[in-house]
Amino acid sequence: MVIEADVYDSVFSGMVSRNSEGAVVAGNAGGSGAGIEFTESNVRRLLDNEPLASAAAACLDLAWQHRGLILG
């Protein structure tokens, strides 16, 4: 899903940064706020270095492979 920045900020402003399932990943190490740019370097960082469930990793990988359709 693609969400406009101002809508995202409004909808998710009260979101917690950590719960029993893990932590929200910020755009860069030590960054504040939630969310992350959908770039190859961020996708690679998540897939290679972050603890993701297998299903989450598969969805992220497929989203990157098909980004032209998603963002087009």
PDB file of N, CA and C in Angstrom:
ATOM      1  N   MET A   1       0.844  -1.151   0.000  1.00  0.00           N
ATOM      2  CA  MET A   1       0.000   0.000   0.000  1.00  0.00           C
ATOM      3  C   MET A   1       0.900   1.228   0.000  1.00  0.00           C
ATOM      4  N   VAL A   2       0.515   2.221  -0.731  1.00  0.00           N
ATOM      5  CA  VAL A   2       1.205   3.504  -0.753  1.00  0.00           C
ATOM      6  C   VAL A   2       0.292   4.527  -0.095  1.00  0.00           C
ATOM      7  N   ILE A   3       0.843   5.241   0.893  1.00  0.00           N
ATOM      8  CA  ILE A   3       0.061   6.223   1.646  1.00  0.00           C
ATOM      9  C   ILE A   3       0.761   7.573   1.539  1.00  0.00           C
ATOM     10  N   GLU A   4      -0.004   8.609   1.235  1.00  0.00           N
ATOM     11  CA  GLU A   4       0.561   9.956   1.206  1.00  0.00           C
ATOM     12  C   GLU A   4       1.134  10.294   2.582  1.00  0.00           C
ATOM     13  N   ALA A   5       2.239  11.027   2.605  1.00  0.00           N
ATOM     14  CA  ALA A   5       2.958  11.311   3.852  1.00  0.00           C
ATOM     15  C   ALA A   5       2.086  11.980   4.905  1.00  0.00           C
ATOM     16  N   ASP A   6       1.291  12.975   4.529  1.00  0.00           N
ATOM     17  CA  ASP A   6       0.479  13.680   5.523  1.00  0.00           C
ATOM     18  C   ASP A   6      -0.623  12.790   6.090  1.00  0.00           C
ATOM     19  N   VAL A   7      -1.176  11.905   5.267  1.00  0.00           N
ATOM     20  CA  VAL A   7      -2.194  10.966   5.744  1.00  0.00           C
ATOM     21  C   VAL A   7      -1.554   9.968   6.704  1.00  0.00           C
ATOM     22  N   TYR A   8      -0.394   9.432   6.332  1.00  0.00           N
ATOM     23  CA  TYR A   8       0.330   8.492   7.193  1.00  0.00           C
ATOM     24  C   TYR A   8       0.616   9.128   8.555  1.00  0.00           C
ATOM     25  N   ASP A   9       1.149  10.343   8.538  1.00  0.00           N
ATOM     26  CA  ASP A   9       1.482  11.035   9.785  1.00  0.00           C
ATOM     27  C   ASP A   9       0.253  11.206  10.670  1.00  0.00           C
ATOM     28  N   SER A  10      -0.868  11.526  10.072  1.00  0.00           N
ATOM     29  CA  SER A  10      -2.099  11.725  10.823  1.00  0.00           C
ATOM     30  C   SER A  10      -2.635  10.409  11.392  1.00  0.00           C
ATOM     31  N   VAL A  11      -2.705   9.389  10.563  1.00  0.00           N
ATOM     32  CA  VAL A  11      -3.284   8.098  10.972  1.00  0.00           C
ATOM     33  C   VAL A  11      -2.419   7.392  12.008  1.00  0.00           C
ATOM     34  N   PHE A  12      -1.114   7.444  11.833  1.00  0.00           N
ATOM     35  CA  PHE A  12      -0.222   6.664  12.687  1.00  0.00           C
ATOM     36  C   PHE A  12       0.510   7.483  13.749  1.00  0.00           C
ATOM     37  N   SER A  13       0.064   8.687  14.017  1.00  0.00           N
ATOM     38  CA  SER A  13       0.758   9.555  14.969  1.00  0.00           C
ATOM     39  C   SER A  13       0.801   8.974  16.385  1.00  0.00           C
ATOM     40  N   GLY A  14      -0.178   8.194  16.770  1.00  0.00           N
ATOM     41  CA  GLY A  14      -0.213   7.628  18.116  1.00  0.00           C
ATOM     42  C   GLY A  14       0.315   6.208  18.211  1.00  0.00           C
ATOM     43  N   MET A  15       0.934   5.716  17.158  1.00  0.00           N
ATOM     44  CA  MET A  15       1.405   4.335  17.126  1.00  0.00           C
ATOM     45  C   MET A  15       2.568   4.139  18.099  1.00  0.00           C
ATOM     46  N   VAL A  16       2.557   3.018  18.784  1.00  0.00           N
ATOM     47  CA  VAL A  16       3.661   2.694  19.688  1.00  0.00           C
ATOM     48  C   VAL A  16       4.878   2.250  18.876  1.00  0.00           C
ATOM     49  N   SER A  17       6.064   2.399  19.431  1.00  0.00           N
ATOM     50  CA  SER A  17       7.270   2.028  18.698  1.00  0.00           C
ATOM     51  C   SER A  17       7.722   0.607  19.009  1.00  0.00           C
ATOM     52  N   ARG A  18       7.152  -0.004  20.026  1.00  0.00           N
ATOM     53  CA  ARG A  18       7.542  -1.369  20.388  1.00  0.00           C
ATOM     54  C   ARG A  18       6.360  -2.076  21.041  1.00  0.00           C
ATOM     55  N   ASN A  19       6.232  -3.387  20.734  1.00  0.00           N
ATOM     56  CA  ASN A  19       5.245  -4.222  21.414  1.00  0.00           C
ATOM     57  C   ASN A  19       5.817  -5.631  21.525  1.00  0.00           C
ATOM     58  N   SER A  20       5.005  -6.604  21.871  1.00  0.00           N
ATOM     59  CA  SER A  20       5.497  -7.964  22.081  1.00  0.00           C
ATOM     60  C   SER A  20       6.025  -8.619  20.808  1.00  0.00           C
ATOM     61  N   GLU A  21       5.659  -8.093  19.652  1.00  0.00           N
ATOM     62  CA  GLU A  21       6.130  -8.661  18.384  1.00  0.00           C
ATOM     63  C   GLU A  21       7.419  -8.032  17.889  1.00  0.00           C
ATOM     64  N   GLY A  22       7.830  -6.914  18.456  1.00  0.00           N
ATOM     65  CA  GLY A  22       9.073  -6.291  18.021  1.00  0.00           C
ATOM     66  C   GLY A  22       8.992  -4.784  18.046  1.00  0.00           C
ATOM     67  N   ALA A  23       9.876  -4.159  17.264  1.00  0.00           N
ATOM     68  CA  ALA A  23       9.979  -2.703  17.237  1.00  0.00           C
ATOM     69  C   ALA A  23       9.726  -2.190  15.832  1.00  0.00           C
ATOM     70  N   VAL A  24       9.206  -0.972  15.753  1.00  0.00           N
ATOM     71  CA  VAL A  24       9.015  -0.311  14.472  1.00  0.00           C
ATOM     72  C   VAL A  24      10.379   0.103  13.955  1.00  0.00           C
ATOM     73  N   VAL A  25      10.631  -0.155  12.699  1.00  0.00           N
ATOM     74  CA  VAL A  25      11.906   0.194  12.094  1.00  0.00           C
ATOM     75  C   VAL A  25      11.802   1.599  11.525  1.00  0.00           C
ATOM     76  N   ALA A  26      12.757   2.447  11.899  1.00  0.00           N
ATOM     77  CA  ALA A  26      12.789   3.819  11.397  1.00  0.00           C
ATOM     78  C   ALA A  26      13.613   3.868  10.122  1.00  0.00           C
ATOM     79  N   GLY A  27      13.542   4.988   9.437  1.00  0.00           N
ATOM     80  CA  GLY A  27      14.241   5.144   8.166  1.00  0.00           C
ATOM     81  C   GLY A  27      15.733   4.954   8.236  1.00  0.00           C
ATOM     82  N   ASN A  28      16.358   5.297   9.349  1.00  0.00           N
ATOM     83  CA  ASN A  28      17.784   5.076   9.494  1.00  0.00           C
ATOM     84  C   ASN A  28      18.085   4.716  10.937  1.00  0.00           C
ATOM     85  N   ALA A  29      19.243   4.161  11.164  1.00  0.00           N
ATOM     86  CA  ALA A  29      19.612   3.740  12.514  1.00  0.00           C
ATOM     87  C   ALA A  29      19.504   4.922  13.466  1.00  0.00           C
ATOM     88  N   GLY A  30      18.765   4.740  14.533  1.00  0.00           N
ATOM     89  CA  GLY A  30      18.595   5.798  15.511  1.00  0.00           C
ATOM     90  C   GLY A  30      17.638   6.884  15.084  1.00  0.00           C
ATOM     91  N   GLY A  31      16.996   6.722  13.929  1.00  0.00           N
ATOM     92  CA  GLY A  31      16.073   7.729  13.438  1.00  0.00           C
ATOM     93  C   GLY A  31      14.833   7.806  14.290  1.00  0.00           C
ATOM     94  N   SER A  32      14.170   8.916  14.232  1.00  0.00           N
ATOM     95  CA  SER A  32      12.939   9.061  14.996  1.00  0.00           C
ATOM     96  C   SER A  32      11.753   8.876  14.069  1.00  0.00           C
ATOM     97  N   GLY A  33      10.634   8.563  14.642  1.00  0.00           N
ATOM     98  CA  GLY A  33       9.420   8.396  13.863  1.00  0.00           C
ATOM     99  C   GLY A  33       9.333   7.016  13.246  1.00  0.00           C
ATOM    100  N   ALA A  34       8.194   6.740  12.682  1.00  0.00           N
ATOM    101  CA  ALA A  34       7.957   5.442  12.066  1.00  0.00           C
ATOM    102  C   ALA A  34       8.015   5.585  10.560  1.00  0.00           C
ATOM    103  N   GLY A  35       8.065   4.477   9.924  1.00  0.00           N
ATOM    104  CA  GLY A  35       8.058   4.483   8.475  1.00  0.00           C
ATOM    105  C   GLY A  35       9.455   4.397   7.907  1.00  0.00           C
ATOM    106  N   ILE A  36       9.510   4.039   6.656  1.00  0.00           N
ATOM    107  CA  ILE A  36      10.786   3.842   5.983  1.00  0.00           C
ATOM    108  C   ILE A  36      10.565   4.046   4.494  1.00  0.00           C
ATOM    109  N   GLU A  37      11.507   4.677   3.829  1.00  0.00           N
ATOM    110  CA  GLU A  37      11.384   4.861   2.378  1.00  0.00           C
ATOM    111  C   GLU A  37      11.514   3.514   1.680  1.00  0.00           C
ATOM    112  N   PHE A  38      10.753   3.335   0.637  1.00  0.00           N
ATOM    113  CA  PHE A  38      10.763   2.091  -0.135  1.00  0.00           C
ATOM    114  C   PHE A  38      11.864   2.182  -1.183  1.00  0.00           C
ATOM    115  N   THR A  39      13.107   1.979  -0.725  1.00  0.00           N
ATOM    116  CA  THR A  39      14.277   2.028  -1.599  1.00  0.00           C
ATOM    117  C   THR A  39      14.990   0.693  -1.552  1.00  0.00           C
ATOM    118  N   GLU A  40      15.802   0.426  -2.559  1.00  0.00           N
ATOM    119  CA  GLU A  40      16.531  -0.841  -2.590  1.00  0.00           C
ATOM    120  C   GLU A  40      17.426  -1.009  -1.372  1.00  0.00           C
ATOM    121  N   SER A  41      18.111   0.058  -0.971  1.00  0.00           N
ATOM    122  CA  SER A  41      19.011  -0.061   0.181  1.00  0.00           C
ATOM    123  C   SER A  41      18.242  -0.366   1.465  1.00  0.00           C
ATOM    124  N   ASN A  42      17.077   0.233   1.659  1.00  0.00           N
ATOM    125  CA  ASN A  42      16.275  -0.061   2.848  1.00  0.00           C
ATOM    126  C   ASN A  42      15.705  -1.475   2.800  1.00  0.00           C
ATOM    127  N   VAL A  43      15.238  -1.896   1.642  1.00  0.00           N
ATOM    128  CA  VAL A  43      14.712  -3.258   1.510  1.00  0.00           C
ATOM    129  C   VAL A  43      15.817  -4.273   1.785  1.00  0.00           C
ATOM    130  N   ARG A  44      17.004  -4.054   1.217  1.00  0.00           N
ATOM    131  CA  ARG A  44      18.137  -4.965   1.442  1.00  0.00           C
ATOM    132  C   ARG A  44      18.510  -4.996   2.926  1.00  0.00           C
ATOM    133  N   ARG A  45      18.532  -3.808   3.560  1.00  0.00           N
ATOM    134  CA  ARG A  45      18.873  -3.746   4.990  1.00  0.00           C
ATOM    135  C   ARG A  45      17.887  -4.555   5.818  1.00  0.00           C
ATOM    136  N   LEU A  46      16.611  -4.413   5.517  1.00  0.00           N
ATOM    137  CA  LEU A  46      15.599  -5.162   6.259  1.00  0.00           C
ATOM    138  C   LEU A  46      15.731  -6.664   6.030  1.00  0.00           C
ATOM    139  N   LEU A  47      15.879  -7.052   4.773  1.00  0.00           N
ATOM    140  CA  LEU A  47      15.959  -8.482   4.462  1.00  0.00           C
ATOM    141  C   LEU A  47      17.244  -9.122   4.978  1.00  0.00           C
ATOM    142  N   ASP A  48      18.326  -8.372   4.957  1.00  0.00           N
ATOM    143  CA  ASP A  48      19.622  -8.947   5.327  1.00  0.00           C
ATOM    144  C   ASP A  48      19.985  -8.792   6.802  1.00  0.00           C
ATOM    145  N   ASN A  49      19.450  -7.774   7.464  1.00  0.00           N
ATOM    146  CA  ASN A  49      19.943  -7.453   8.807  1.00  0.00           C
ATOM    147  C   ASN A  49      18.903  -7.373   9.911  1.00  0.00           C
ATOM    148  N   GLU A  50      17.636  -7.373   9.566  1.00  0.00           N
ATOM    149  CA  GLU A  50      16.598  -7.230  10.593  1.00  0.00           C
ATOM    150  C   GLU A  50      15.899  -8.563  10.833  1.00  0.00           C
ATOM    151  N   PRO A  51      15.470  -8.810  12.067  1.00  0.00           N
ATOM    152  CA  PRO A  51      14.758 -10.054  12.372  1.00  0.00           C
ATOM    153  C   PRO A  51      13.311  -9.987  11.863  1.00  0.00           C
ATOM    154  N   LEU A  52      13.071 -10.564  10.695  1.00  0.00           N
ATOM    155  CA  LEU A  52      11.731 -10.585  10.106  1.00  0.00           C
ATOM    156  C   LEU A  52      11.186 -12.004  10.112  1.00  0.00           C
ATOM    157  N   ALA A  53       9.882 -12.120  10.305  1.00  0.00           N
ATOM    158  CA  ALA A  53       9.238 -13.417  10.126  1.00  0.00           C
ATOM    159  C   ALA A  53       9.370 -13.813   8.657  1.00  0.00           C
ATOM    160  N   SER A  54       9.393 -15.100   8.382  1.00  0.00           N
ATOM    161  CA  SER A  54       9.543 -15.575   7.001  1.00  0.00           C
ATOM    162  C   SER A  54       8.482 -14.994   6.081  1.00  0.00           C
ATOM    163  N   ALA A  55       7.249 -14.941   6.557  1.00  0.00           N
ATOM    164  CA  ALA A  55       6.169 -14.401   5.730  1.00  0.00           C
ATOM    165  C   ALA A  55       6.385 -12.913   5.449  1.00  0.00           C
ATOM    166  N   ALA A  56       6.854 -12.158   6.435  1.00  0.00           N
ATOM    167  CA  ALA A  56       7.105 -10.728   6.244  1.00  0.00           C
ATOM    168  C   ALA A  56       8.236 -10.521   5.244  1.00  0.00           C
ATOM    169  N   ALA A  57       9.287 -11.319   5.357  1.00  0.00           N
ATOM    170  CA  ALA A  57      10.411 -11.217   4.422  1.00  0.00           C
ATOM    171  C   ALA A  57       9.960 -11.548   3.003  1.00  0.00           C
ATOM    172  N   ALA A  58       9.129 -12.570   2.852  1.00  0.00           N
ATOM    173  CA  ALA A  58       8.637 -12.944   1.527  1.00  0.00           C
ATOM    174  C   ALA A  58       7.772 -11.832   0.932  1.00  0.00           C
ATOM    175  N   CYS A  59       6.907 -11.236   1.733  1.00  0.00           N
ATOM    176  CA  CYS A  59       6.056 -10.138   1.253  1.00  0.00           C
ATOM    177  C   CYS A  59       6.895  -8.934   0.840  1.00  0.00           C
ATOM    178  N   LEU A  60       7.891  -8.606   1.638  1.00  0.00           N
ATOM    179  CA  LEU A  60       8.755  -7.473   1.322  1.00  0.00           C
ATOM    180  C   LEU A  60       9.537  -7.728   0.040  1.00  0.00           C
ATOM    181  N   ASP A  61      10.069  -8.925  -0.102  1.00  0.00           N
ATOM    182  CA  ASP A  61      10.819  -9.278  -1.305  1.00  0.00           C
ATOM    183  C   ASP A  61       9.920  -9.212  -2.546  1.00  0.00           C
ATOM    184  N   LEU A  62       8.729  -9.751  -2.444  1.00  0.00           N
ATOM    185  CA  LEU A  62       7.789  -9.703  -3.574  1.00  0.00           C
ATOM    186  C   LEU A  62       7.355  -8.273  -3.889  1.00  0.00           C
ATOM    187  N   ALA A  63       7.141  -7.471  -2.852  1.00  0.00           N
ATOM    188  CA  ALA A  63       6.768  -6.073  -3.080  1.00  0.00           C
ATOM    189  C   ALA A  63       7.885  -5.352  -3.828  1.00  0.00           C
ATOM    190  N   TRP A  64       9.134  -5.623  -3.472  1.00  0.00           N
ATOM    191  CA  TRP A  64      10.242  -4.978  -4.173  1.00  0.00           C
ATOM    192  C   TRP A  64      10.315  -5.457  -5.620  1.00  0.00           C
ATOM    193  N   GLN A  65      10.157  -6.752  -5.822  1.00  0.00           N
ATOM    194  CA  GLN A  65      10.198  -7.294  -7.192  1.00  0.00           C
ATOM    195  C   GLN A  65       9.118  -6.688  -8.069  1.00  0.00           C
ATOM    196  N   HIS A  66       7.960  -6.403  -7.503  1.00  0.00           N
ATOM    197  CA  HIS A  66       6.823  -5.918  -8.276  1.00  0.00           C
ATOM    198  C   HIS A  66       6.508  -4.438  -8.002  1.00  0.00           C
ATOM    199  N   ARG A  67       7.511  -3.689  -7.572  1.00  0.00           N
ATOM    200  CA  ARG A  67       7.318  -2.287  -7.223  1.00  0.00           C
ATOM    201  C   ARG A  67       6.781  -1.459  -8.372  1.00  0.00           C
ATOM    202  N   GLY A  68       7.106  -1.842  -9.607  1.00  0.00           N
ATOM    203  CA  GLY A  68       6.597  -1.106 -10.764  1.00  0.00           C
ATOM    204  C   GLY A  68       5.089  -1.147 -10.842  1.00  0.00           C
ATOM    205  N   LEU A  69       4.512  -2.296 -10.513  1.00  0.00           N
ATOM    206  CA  LEU A  69       3.049  -2.423 -10.505  1.00  0.00           C
ATOM    207  C   LEU A  69       2.435  -1.720  -9.299  1.00  0.00           C
ATOM    208  N   ILE A  70       3.111  -1.834  -8.167  1.00  0.00           N
ATOM    209  CA  ILE A  70       2.579  -1.251  -6.926  1.00  0.00           C
ATOM    210  C   ILE A  70       2.599   0.264  -6.985  1.00  0.00           C
ATOM    211  N   LEU A  71       3.697   0.835  -7.477  1.00  0.00           N
ATOM    212  CA  LEU A  71       3.855   2.283  -7.471  1.00  0.00           C
ATOM    213  C   LEU A  71       3.429   2.940  -8.762  1.00  0.00           C
ATOM    214  N   GLY A  72       3.142   2.118  -9.788  1.00  0.00           N
ATOM    215  CA  GLY A  72       2.837   2.652 -11.116  1.00  0.00           C
ATOM    216  C   GLY A  72       1.528   3.246 -11.267  1.00  0.00           C
TER     217      GLY A  72
END
